[in-house]
């Protein structure tokens, strides 16, 4: 599904404009649960760095 959506968006915004985007199809319960935990952890950690400067 995600490949289809990215393909449709690239038709509007140009080829490879969504090259940095990725997705995963969650078909297996053990992998899906692990990936969801990993993905949410990254999302939370990304929010921690919003107002920080290096």
C-alpha atoms as a PDB file:
ATOM      1  CA  UNK A   1       0.000   0.000   0.000  1.00  0.00           C
ATOM      2  CA  UNK A   2       2.753   2.442   0.898  1.00  0.00           C
ATOM      3  CA  UNK A   3       4.497   1.917  -2.458  1.00  0.00           C
ATOM      4  CA  UNK A   4       1.259   2.795  -4.232  1.00  0.00           C
ATOM      5  CA  UNK A   5       0.736   5.976  -2.199  1.00  0.00           C
ATOM      6  CA  UNK A   6       4.347   7.118  -2.652  1.00  0.00           C
ATOM      7  CA  UNK A   7       4.068   6.411  -6.385  1.00  0.00           C
ATOM      8  CA  UNK A   8       0.928   8.520  -6.639  1.00  0.00           C
ATOM      9  CA  UNK A   9       2.531  11.388  -4.704  1.00  0.00           C
ATOM     10  CA  UNK A  10       5.610  11.265  -6.945  1.00  0.00           C
ATOM     11  CA  UNK A  11       3.351  11.697  -9.970  1.00  0.00           C
ATOM     12  CA  UNK A  12       2.261  15.026  -8.488  1.00  0.00           C
ATOM     13  CA  UNK A  13       5.490  16.251  -6.859  1.00  0.00           C
ATOM     14  CA  UNK A  14       8.112  14.691  -9.131  1.00  0.00           C
ATOM     15  CA  UNK A  15      10.179  11.542  -9.312  1.00  0.00           C
ATOM     16  CA  UNK A  16      12.284  10.697  -6.234  1.00  0.00           C
ATOM     17  CA  UNK A  17      10.782  13.508  -4.133  1.00  0.00           C
ATOM     18  CA  UNK A  18       9.803  10.889  -1.557  1.00  0.00           C
ATOM     19  CA  UNK A  19      13.027   8.878  -1.736  1.00  0.00           C
ATOM     20  CA  UNK A  20      13.631   9.491   1.962  1.00  0.00           C
ATOM     21  CA  UNK A  21      10.262   7.954   2.877  1.00  0.00           C
ATOM     22  CA  UNK A  22       9.828   4.321   3.613  1.00  0.00           C
ATOM     23  CA  UNK A  23       7.274   1.990   4.934  1.00  0.00           C
ATOM     24  CA  UNK A  24       6.718  -1.520   6.030  1.00  0.00           C
ATOM     25  CA  UNK A  25       3.925  -3.991   5.538  1.00  0.00           C
ATOM     26  CA  UNK A  26       3.133  -5.598   8.870  1.00  0.00           C
ATOM     27  CA  UNK A  27       1.955  -9.117   8.111  1.00  0.00           C
ATOM     28  CA  UNK A  28       3.461 -11.123  10.948  1.00  0.00           C
ATOM     29  CA  UNK A  29       2.495 -10.465  14.559  1.00  0.00           C
ATOM     30  CA  UNK A  30       5.943 -10.930  16.112  1.00  0.00           C
ATOM     31  CA  UNK A  31       7.661  -8.594  13.669  1.00  0.00           C
ATOM     32  CA  UNK A  32       4.798  -6.102  13.582  1.00  0.00           C
ATOM     33  CA  UNK A  33       4.806  -5.638  17.350  1.00  0.00           C
ATOM     34  CA  UNK A  34       8.580  -5.240  17.499  1.00  0.00           C
ATOM     35  CA  UNK A  35       8.634  -2.767  14.622  1.00  0.00           C
ATOM     36  CA  UNK A  36       5.763  -0.742  16.092  1.00  0.00           C
ATOM     37  CA  UNK A  37       7.660  -0.409  19.378  1.00  0.00           C
ATOM     38  CA  UNK A  38      10.866   0.577  17.556  1.00  0.00           C
ATOM     39  CA  UNK A  39       9.037   3.072  15.320  1.00  0.00           C
ATOM     40  CA  UNK A  40       7.207   4.736  18.207  1.00  0.00           C
ATOM     41  CA  UNK A  41      10.419   5.011  20.218  1.00  0.00           C
ATOM     42  CA  UNK A  42      12.077   6.806  17.306  1.00  0.00           C
ATOM     43  CA  UNK A  43       9.073   9.104  16.955  1.00  0.00           C
ATOM     44  CA  UNK A  44       9.217  10.038  20.645  1.00  0.00           C
ATOM     45  CA  UNK A  45      12.990  10.588  20.554  1.00  0.00           C
ATOM     46  CA  UNK A  46      12.649  12.790  17.460  1.00  0.00           C
ATOM     47  CA  UNK A  47      10.339  15.070  19.435  1.00  0.00           C
ATOM     48  CA  UNK A  48      12.937  15.385  22.193  1.00  0.00           C
ATOM     49  CA  UNK A  49      15.410  16.948  19.759  1.00  0.00           C
ATOM     50  CA  UNK A  50      13.088  19.519  18.166  1.00  0.00           C
ATOM     51  CA  UNK A  51      14.279  22.588  20.085  1.00  0.00           C
ATOM     52  CA  UNK A  52      17.887  21.571  20.686  1.00  0.00           C
ATOM     53  CA  UNK A  53      20.846  23.079  18.878  1.00  0.00           C
ATOM     54  CA  UNK A  54      24.226  21.438  18.362  1.00  0.00           C
END
